[in-house]
Amino acid sequence: MNTFERLQQILHKDFDLPMEKLQREATLEDLEIDSLRMIEILFSVEEAFGITVQAEQSELRTKLKTLGDLADYIGTLAAPVP
């Protein structure tokens, strides 16, 4: 299972988001992921992927617009260090 698929599973299971809406191009706004919800999601993601998100919330909101952006960001944090 890749990072995006794992993220889909977390969002569906823990946050009751419908799988059919969880596409790479879906915007966080369309998924009704506001600042508070993003914090909740990041806590779940940190636990599931064994990562720590260091970025500020405002920085993330600027950088991450779609679910694909979020999955790619998680992937960079979860990548093994050479």
PDB file of N, CA and C in Angstrom:
ATOM      1  N   MET A   1       0.860  -1.172   0.000  1.00  0.00           N
ATOM      2  CA  MET A   1       0.000   0.000   0.000  1.00  0.00           C
ATOM      3  C   MET A   1       0.911   1.240   0.000  1.00  0.00           C
ATOM      4  N   ASN A   2       0.653   2.166  -0.905  1.00  0.00           N
ATOM      5  CA  ASN A   2       1.482   3.378  -0.977  1.00  0.00           C
ATOM      6  C   ASN A   2       0.960   4.439  -0.001  1.00  0.00           C
ATOM      7  N   THR A   3       1.689   5.548   0.074  1.00  0.00           N
ATOM      8  CA  THR A   3       1.348   6.620   1.020  1.00  0.00           C
ATOM      9  C   THR A   3      -0.053   7.154   0.781  1.00  0.00           C
ATOM     10  N   PHE A   4      -0.413   7.382  -0.491  1.00  0.00           N
ATOM     11  CA  PHE A   4      -1.741   7.923  -0.780  1.00  0.00           C
ATOM     12  C   PHE A   4      -2.835   6.952  -0.334  1.00  0.00           C
ATOM     13  N   GLU A   5      -2.655   5.672  -0.615  1.00  0.00           N
ATOM     14  CA  GLU A   5      -3.658   4.675  -0.225  1.00  0.00           C
ATOM     15  C   GLU A   5      -3.793   4.588   1.298  1.00  0.00           C
ATOM     16  N   ARG A   6      -2.669   4.668   1.995  1.00  0.00           N
ATOM     17  CA  ARG A   6      -2.722   4.667   3.467  1.00  0.00           C
ATOM     18  C   ARG A   6      -3.450   5.900   3.974  1.00  0.00           C
ATOM     19  N   LEU A   7      -3.175   7.055   3.366  1.00  0.00           N
ATOM     20  CA  LEU A   7      -3.861   8.288   3.756  1.00  0.00           C
ATOM     21  C   LEU A   7      -5.361   8.161   3.505  1.00  0.00           C
ATOM     22  N   GLN A   8      -5.733   7.614   2.364  1.00  0.00           N
ATOM     23  CA  GLN A   8      -7.159   7.394   2.068  1.00  0.00           C
ATOM     24  C   GLN A   8      -7.814   6.565   3.172  1.00  0.00           C
ATOM     25  N   GLN A   9      -7.155   5.482   3.557  1.00  0.00           N
ATOM     26  CA  GLN A   9      -7.707   4.599   4.579  1.00  0.00           C
ATOM     27  C   GLN A   9      -7.887   5.330   5.914  1.00  0.00           C
ATOM     28  N   ILE A  10      -6.902   6.132   6.297  1.00  0.00           N
ATOM     29  CA  ILE A  10      -6.995   6.891   7.550  1.00  0.00           C
ATOM     30  C   ILE A  10      -8.163   7.870   7.494  1.00  0.00           C
ATOM     31  N   LEU A  11      -8.271   8.616   6.402  1.00  0.00           N
ATOM     32  CA  LEU A  11      -9.331   9.616   6.283  1.00  0.00           C
ATOM     33  C   LEU A  11     -10.707   8.970   6.238  1.00  0.00           C
ATOM     34  N   HIS A  12     -10.810   7.832   5.601  1.00  0.00           N
ATOM     35  CA  HIS A  12     -12.093   7.135   5.517  1.00  0.00           C
ATOM     36  C   HIS A  12     -12.471   6.541   6.878  1.00  0.00           C
ATOM     37  N   LYS A  13     -11.534   5.820   7.484  1.00  0.00           N
ATOM     38  CA  LYS A  13     -11.820   5.114   8.732  1.00  0.00           C
ATOM     39  C   LYS A  13     -11.967   6.061   9.926  1.00  0.00           C
ATOM     40  N   ASP A  14     -11.007   6.965  10.094  1.00  0.00           N
ATOM     41  CA  ASP A  14     -10.986   7.804  11.294  1.00  0.00           C
ATOM     42  C   ASP A  14     -11.823   9.077  11.185  1.00  0.00           C
ATOM     43  N   PHE A  15     -12.060   9.553   9.959  1.00  0.00           N
ATOM     44  CA  PHE A  15     -12.741  10.836   9.785  1.00  0.00           C
ATOM     45  C   PHE A  15     -14.025  10.743   8.960  1.00  0.00           C
ATOM     46  N   ASP A  16     -14.446   9.512   8.653  1.00  0.00           N
ATOM     47  CA  ASP A  16     -15.714   9.261   7.958  1.00  0.00           C
ATOM     48  C   ASP A  16     -15.849   9.999   6.630  1.00  0.00           C
ATOM     49  N   LEU A  17     -14.737  10.177   5.929  1.00  0.00           N
ATOM     50  CA  LEU A  17     -14.807  10.784   4.599  1.00  0.00           C
ATOM     51  C   LEU A  17     -15.068   9.680   3.573  1.00  0.00           C
ATOM     52  N   PRO A  18     -16.008   9.906   2.661  1.00  0.00           N
ATOM     53  CA  PRO A  18     -16.349   8.877   1.676  1.00  0.00           C
ATOM     54  C   PRO A  18     -15.178   8.579   0.735  1.00  0.00           C
ATOM     55  N   MET A  19     -14.896   7.292   0.522  1.00  0.00           N
ATOM     56  CA  MET A  19     -13.779   6.877  -0.330  1.00  0.00           C
ATOM     57  C   MET A  19     -13.870   7.484  -1.727  1.00  0.00           C
ATOM     58  N   GLU A  20     -15.081   7.608  -2.268  1.00  0.00           N
ATOM     59  CA  GLU A  20     -15.216   8.130  -3.631  1.00  0.00           C
ATOM     60  C   GLU A  20     -14.774   9.589  -3.752  1.00  0.00           C
ATOM     61  N   LYS A  21     -14.747  10.311  -2.638  1.00  0.00           N
ATOM     62  CA  LYS A  21     -14.285  11.701  -2.660  1.00  0.00           C
ATOM     63  C   LYS A  21     -12.781  11.819  -2.439  1.00  0.00           C
ATOM     64  N   LEU A  22     -12.151  10.752  -1.984  1.00  0.00           N
ATOM     65  CA  LEU A  22     -10.739  10.788  -1.619  1.00  0.00           C
ATOM     66  C   LEU A  22      -9.848  10.491  -2.825  1.00  0.00           C
ATOM     67  N   GLN A  23      -9.799  11.445  -3.727  1.00  0.00           N
ATOM     68  CA  GLN A  23      -8.985  11.349  -4.943  1.00  0.00           C
ATOM     69  C   GLN A  23      -7.809  12.316  -4.822  1.00  0.00           C
ATOM     70  N   ARG A  24      -6.717  12.038  -5.531  1.00  0.00           N
ATOM     71  CA  ARG A  24      -5.518  12.885  -5.449  1.00  0.00           C
ATOM     72  C   ARG A  24      -5.816  14.352  -5.746  1.00  0.00           C
ATOM     73  N   GLU A  25      -6.710  14.605  -6.697  1.00  0.00           N
ATOM     74  CA  GLU A  25      -6.978  15.986  -7.108  1.00  0.00           C
ATOM     75  C   GLU A  25      -8.028  16.687  -6.238  1.00  0.00           C
ATOM     76  N   ALA A  26      -8.621  15.974  -5.282  1.00  0.00           N
ATOM     77  CA  ALA A  26      -9.622  16.581  -4.391  1.00  0.00           C
ATOM     78  C   ALA A  26      -8.955  17.640  -3.523  1.00  0.00           C
ATOM     79  N   THR A  27      -9.538  18.839  -3.512  1.00  0.00           N
ATOM     80  CA  THR A  27      -8.956  19.887  -2.676  1.00  0.00           C
ATOM     81  C   THR A  27      -9.347  19.664  -1.219  1.00  0.00           C
ATOM     82  N   LEU A  28      -8.487  20.117  -0.330  1.00  0.00           N
ATOM     83  CA  LEU A  28      -8.781  20.001   1.095  1.00  0.00           C
ATOM     84  C   LEU A  28     -10.031  20.799   1.436  1.00  0.00           C
ATOM     85  N   GLU A  29     -10.210  21.915   0.744  1.00  0.00           N
ATOM     86  CA  GLU A  29     -11.406  22.740   0.944  1.00  0.00           C
ATOM     87  C   GLU A  29     -12.664  21.965   0.553  1.00  0.00           C
ATOM     88  N   ASP A  30     -12.631  21.283  -0.591  1.00  0.00           N
ATOM     89  CA  ASP A  30     -13.786  20.494  -1.037  1.00  0.00           C
ATOM     90  C   ASP A  30     -14.099  19.358  -0.061  1.00  0.00           C
ATOM     91  N   LEU A  31     -13.074  18.847   0.594  1.00  0.00           N
ATOM     92  CA  LEU A  31     -13.257  17.771   1.569  1.00  0.00           C
ATOM     93  C   LEU A  31     -13.630  18.309   2.944  1.00  0.00           C
ATOM     94  N   GLU A  32     -13.782  19.643   3.027  1.00  0.00           N
ATOM     95  CA  GLU A  32     -14.145  20.327   4.270  1.00  0.00           C
ATOM     96  C   GLU A  32     -13.117  20.087   5.370  1.00  0.00           C
ATOM     97  N   ILE A  33     -11.843  20.093   4.968  1.00  0.00           N
ATOM     98  CA  ILE A  33     -10.758  19.958   5.926  1.00  0.00           C
ATOM     99  C   ILE A  33     -10.275  21.366   6.273  1.00  0.00           C
ATOM    100  N   ASP A  34     -10.759  21.854   7.414  1.00  0.00           N
ATOM    101  CA  ASP A  34     -10.363  23.184   7.875  1.00  0.00           C
ATOM    102  C   ASP A  34      -9.133  23.057   8.774  1.00  0.00           C
ATOM    103  N   SER A  35      -8.725  24.138   9.390  1.00  0.00           N
ATOM    104  CA  SER A  35      -7.506  24.139  10.205  1.00  0.00           C
ATOM    105  C   SER A  35      -7.576  23.151  11.371  1.00  0.00           C
ATOM    106  N   LEU A  36      -8.692  23.129  12.074  1.00  0.00           N
ATOM    107  CA  LEU A  36      -8.843  22.219  13.203  1.00  0.00           C
ATOM    108  C   LEU A  36      -8.808  20.768  12.737  1.00  0.00           C
ATOM    109  N   ARG A  37      -9.520  20.488  11.687  1.00  0.00           N
ATOM    110  CA  ARG A  37      -9.547  19.123  11.164  1.00  0.00           C
ATOM    111  C   ARG A  37      -8.165  18.708  10.664  1.00  0.00           C
ATOM    112  N   MET A  38      -7.429  19.645  10.056  1.00  0.00           N
ATOM    113  CA  MET A  38      -6.083  19.340   9.575  1.00  0.00           C
ATOM    114  C   MET A  38      -5.188  18.932  10.738  1.00  0.00           C
ATOM    115  N   ILE A  39      -5.318  19.602  11.867  1.00  0.00           N
ATOM    116  CA  ILE A  39      -4.527  19.241  13.047  1.00  0.00           C
ATOM    117  C   ILE A  39      -4.870  17.822  13.490  1.00  0.00           C
ATOM    118  N   GLU A  40      -6.154  17.501  13.532  1.00  0.00           N
ATOM    119  CA  GLU A  40      -6.581  16.154  13.916  1.00  0.00           C
ATOM    120  C   GLU A  40      -6.021  15.113  12.948  1.00  0.00           C
ATOM    121  N   ILE A  41      -6.087  15.417  11.653  1.00  0.00           N
ATOM    122  CA  ILE A  41      -5.580  14.500  10.634  1.00  0.00           C
ATOM    123  C   ILE A  41      -4.077  14.315  10.795  1.00  0.00           C
ATOM    124  N   LEU A  42      -3.359  15.410  11.030  1.00  0.00           N
ATOM    125  CA  LEU A  42      -1.907  15.313  11.171  1.00  0.00           C
ATOM    126  C   LEU A  42      -1.517  14.479  12.388  1.00  0.00           C
ATOM    127  N   PHE A  43      -2.270  14.553  13.472  1.00  0.00           N
ATOM    128  CA  PHE A  43      -1.991  13.692  14.623  1.00  0.00           C
ATOM    129  C   PHE A  43      -2.135  12.225  14.231  1.00  0.00           C
ATOM    130  N   SER A  44      -3.202  11.905  13.517  1.00  0.00           N
ATOM    131  CA  SER A  44      -3.417  10.524  13.069  1.00  0.00           C
ATOM    132  C   SER A  44      -2.319  10.076  12.109  1.00  0.00           C
ATOM    133  N   VAL A  45      -1.945  10.965  11.195  1.00  0.00           N
ATOM    134  CA  VAL A  45      -0.914  10.658  10.208  1.00  0.00           C
ATOM    135  C   VAL A  45       0.431  10.428  10.894  1.00  0.00           C
ATOM    136  N   GLU A  46       0.764  11.289  11.856  1.00  0.00           N
ATOM    137  CA  GLU A  46       2.030  11.129  12.575  1.00  0.00           C
ATOM    138  C   GLU A  46       2.101   9.762  13.254  1.00  0.00           C
ATOM    139  N   GLU A  47       1.004   9.368  13.872  1.00  0.00           N
ATOM    140  CA  GLU A  47       0.959   8.076  14.550  1.00  0.00           C
ATOM    141  C   GLU A  47       1.034   6.924  13.555  1.00  0.00           C
ATOM    142  N   ALA A  48       0.266   6.994  12.497  1.00  0.00           N
ATOM    143  CA  ALA A  48       0.211   5.899  11.522  1.00  0.00           C
ATOM    144  C   ALA A  48       1.515   5.724  10.748  1.00  0.00           C
ATOM    145  N   PHE A  49       2.175   6.828  10.426  1.00  0.00           N
ATOM    146  CA  PHE A  49       3.385   6.770   9.609  1.00  0.00           C
ATOM    147  C   PHE A  49       4.669   6.850  10.429  1.00  0.00           C
ATOM    148  N   GLY A  50       4.551   7.106  11.727  1.00  0.00           N
ATOM    149  CA  GLY A  50       5.732   7.218  12.574  1.00  0.00           C
ATOM    150  C   GLY A  50       6.597   8.411  12.208  1.00  0.00           C
ATOM    151  N   ILE A  51       5.938   9.544  11.906  1.00  0.00           N
ATOM    152  CA  ILE A  51       6.652  10.756  11.501  1.00  0.00           C
ATOM    153  C   ILE A  51       6.288  11.896  12.439  1.00  0.00           C
ATOM    154  N   THR A  52       7.013  12.991  12.310  1.00  0.00           N
ATOM    155  CA  THR A  52       6.697  14.221  13.037  1.00  0.00           C
ATOM    156  C   THR A  52       6.602  15.352  12.028  1.00  0.00           C
ATOM    157  N   VAL A  53       5.497  16.063  12.061  1.00  0.00           N
ATOM    158  CA  VAL A  53       5.297  17.206  11.176  1.00  0.00           C
ATOM    159  C   VAL A  53       5.812  18.439  11.901  1.00  0.00           C
ATOM    160  N   GLN A  54       6.843  19.049  11.344  1.00  0.00           N
ATOM    161  CA  GLN A  54       7.479  20.205  11.983  1.00  0.00           C
ATOM    162  C   GLN A  54       6.911  21.535  11.499  1.00  0.00           C
ATOM    163  N   ALA A  55       6.280  21.553  10.346  1.00  0.00           N
ATOM    164  CA  ALA A  55       5.820  22.799   9.729  1.00  0.00           C
ATOM    165  C   ALA A  55       4.676  23.428  10.523  1.00  0.00           C
ATOM    166  N   GLU A  56       4.592  24.741  10.428  1.00  0.00           N
ATOM    167  CA  GLU A  56       3.494  25.490  11.030  1.00  0.00           C
ATOM    168  C   GLU A  56       2.212  25.259  10.224  1.00  0.00           C
ATOM    169  N   GLN A  57       1.092  25.354  10.900  1.00  0.00           N
ATOM    170  CA  GLN A  57      -0.208  25.153  10.262  1.00  0.00           C
ATOM    171  C   GLN A  57      -0.408  26.096   9.074  1.00  0.00           C
ATOM    172  N   SER A  58      -0.050  27.350   9.229  1.00  0.00           N
ATOM    173  CA  SER A  58      -0.246  28.319   8.139  1.00  0.00           C
ATOM    174  C   SER A  58       0.627  27.975   6.937  1.00  0.00           C
ATOM    175  N   GLU A  59       1.832  27.482   7.194  1.00  0.00           N
ATOM    176  CA  GLU A  59       2.726  27.068   6.111  1.00  0.00           C
ATOM    177  C   GLU A  59       2.140  25.872   5.363  1.00  0.00           C
ATOM    178  N   LEU A  60       1.587  24.936   6.105  1.00  0.00           N
ATOM    179  CA  LEU A  60       0.985  23.764   5.472  1.00  0.00           C
ATOM    180  C   LEU A  60      -0.226  24.143   4.625  1.00  0.00           C
ATOM    181  N   ARG A  61      -1.054  25.046   5.134  1.00  0.00           N
ATOM    182  CA  ARG A  61      -2.249  25.454   4.383  1.00  0.00           C
ATOM    183  C   ARG A  61      -1.867  26.138   3.073  1.00  0.00           C
ATOM    184  N   THR A  62      -0.748  26.831   3.066  1.00  0.00           N
ATOM    185  CA  THR A  62      -0.276  27.495   1.855  1.00  0.00           C
ATOM    186  C   THR A  62       0.274  26.483   0.860  1.00  0.00           C
ATOM    187  N   LYS A  63       0.995  25.498   1.372  1.00  0.00           N
ATOM    188  CA  LYS A  63       1.701  24.531   0.537  1.00  0.00           C
ATOM    189  C   LYS A  63       0.811  23.379   0.058  1.00  0.00           C
ATOM    190  N   LEU A  64      -0.128  22.961   0.892  1.00  0.00           N
ATOM    191  CA  LEU A  64      -0.934  21.774   0.611  1.00  0.00           C
ATOM    192  C   LEU A  64      -2.354  22.172   0.210  1.00  0.00           C
ATOM    193  N   LYS A  65      -2.660  21.996  -1.045  1.00  0.00           N
ATOM    194  CA  LYS A  65      -3.995  22.368  -1.545  1.00  0.00           C
ATOM    195  C   LYS A  65      -4.879  21.151  -1.826  1.00  0.00           C
ATOM    196  N   THR A  66      -4.265  20.037  -2.234  1.00  0.00           N
ATOM    197  CA  THR A  66      -5.039  18.852  -2.592  1.00  0.00           C
ATOM    198  C   THR A  66      -4.635  17.671  -1.715  1.00  0.00           C
ATOM    199  N   LEU A  67      -5.432  16.632  -1.782  1.00  0.00           N
ATOM    200  CA  LEU A  67      -5.120  15.413  -1.053  1.00  0.00           C
ATOM    201  C   LEU A  67      -3.817  14.809  -1.574  1.00  0.00           C
ATOM    202  N   GLY A  68      -3.576  14.930  -2.857  1.00  0.00           N
ATOM    203  CA  GLY A  68      -2.322  14.460  -3.436  1.00  0.00           C
ATOM    204  C   GLY A  68      -1.130  15.217  -2.868  1.00  0.00           C
ATOM    205  N   ASP A  69      -1.270  16.536  -2.690  1.00  0.00           N
ATOM    206  CA  ASP A  69      -0.205  17.339  -2.082  1.00  0.00           C
ATOM    207  C   ASP A  69       0.112  16.834  -0.671  1.00  0.00           C
ATOM    208  N   LEU A  70      -0.942  16.545   0.080  1.00  0.00           N
ATOM    209  CA  LEU A  70      -0.763  16.060   1.444  1.00  0.00           C
ATOM    210  C   LEU A  70      -0.056  14.712   1.444  1.00  0.00           C
ATOM    211  N   ALA A  71      -0.468  13.809   0.566  1.00  0.00           N
ATOM    212  CA  ALA A  71       0.166  12.484   0.478  1.00  0.00           C
ATOM    213  C   ALA A  71       1.636  12.611   0.091  1.00  0.00           C
ATOM    214  N   ASP A  72       1.936  13.493  -0.861  1.00  0.00           N
ATOM    215  CA  ASP A  72       3.327  13.694  -1.277  1.00  0.00           C
ATOM    216  C   ASP A  72       4.169  14.251  -0.130  1.00  0.00           C
ATOM    217  N   TYR A  73       3.605  15.179   0.621  1.00  0.00           N
ATOM    218  CA  TYR A  73       4.303  15.763   1.775  1.00  0.00           C
ATOM    219  C   TYR A  73       4.590  14.685   2.818  1.00  0.00           C
ATOM    220  N   ILE A  74       3.598  13.867   3.110  1.00  0.00           N
ATOM    221  CA  ILE A  74       3.781  12.773   4.068  1.00  0.00           C
ATOM    222  C   ILE A  74       4.868  11.827   3.562  1.00  0.00           C
ATOM    223  N   GLY A  75       4.848  11.560   2.269  1.00  0.00           N
ATOM    224  CA  GLY A  75       5.849  10.678   1.668  1.00  0.00           C
ATOM    225  C   GLY A  75       7.266  11.185   1.859  1.00  0.00           C
ATOM    226  N   THR A  76       7.453  12.501   1.771  1.00  0.00           N
ATOM    227  CA  THR A  76       8.796  13.050   1.960  1.00  0.00           C
ATOM    228  C   THR A  76       9.245  12.916   3.419  1.00  0.00           C
ATOM    229  N   LEU A  77       8.314  13.020   4.344  1.00  0.00           N
ATOM    230  CA  LEU A  77       8.649  12.877   5.764  1.00  0.00           C
ATOM    231  C   LEU A  77       8.898  11.424   6.141  1.00  0.00           C
ATOM    232  N   ALA A  78       8.189  10.512   5.476  1.00  0.00           N
ATOM    233  CA  ALA A  78       8.287   9.097   5.799  1.00  0.00           C
ATOM    234  C   ALA A  78       9.413   8.404   5.039  1.00  0.00           C
ATOM    235  N   ALA A  79      10.036   9.113   4.091  1.00  0.00           N
ATOM    236  CA  ALA A  79      11.107   8.509   3.303  1.00  0.00           C
ATOM    237  C   ALA A  79      12.294   8.173   4.197  1.00  0.00           C
ATOM    238  N   PRO A  80      12.891   7.012   3.986  1.00  0.00           N
ATOM    239  CA  PRO A  80      14.048   6.641   4.799  1.00  0.00           C
ATOM    240  C   PRO A  80      15.227   7.565   4.521  1.00  0.00           C
ATOM    241  N   VAL A  81      15.948   7.893   5.558  1.00  0.00           N
ATOM    242  CA  VAL A  81      17.124   8.750   5.428  1.00  0.00           C
ATOM    243  C   VAL A  81      18.297   7.887   4.966  1.00  0.00           C
ATOM    244  N   PRO A  82      19.002   8.295   3.893  1.00  0.00           N
ATOM    245  CA  PRO A  82      20.114   7.471   3.386  1.00  0.00           C
ATOM    246  C   PRO A  82      21.282   7.421   4.347  1.00  0.00           C
TER     247      PRO A  82
END
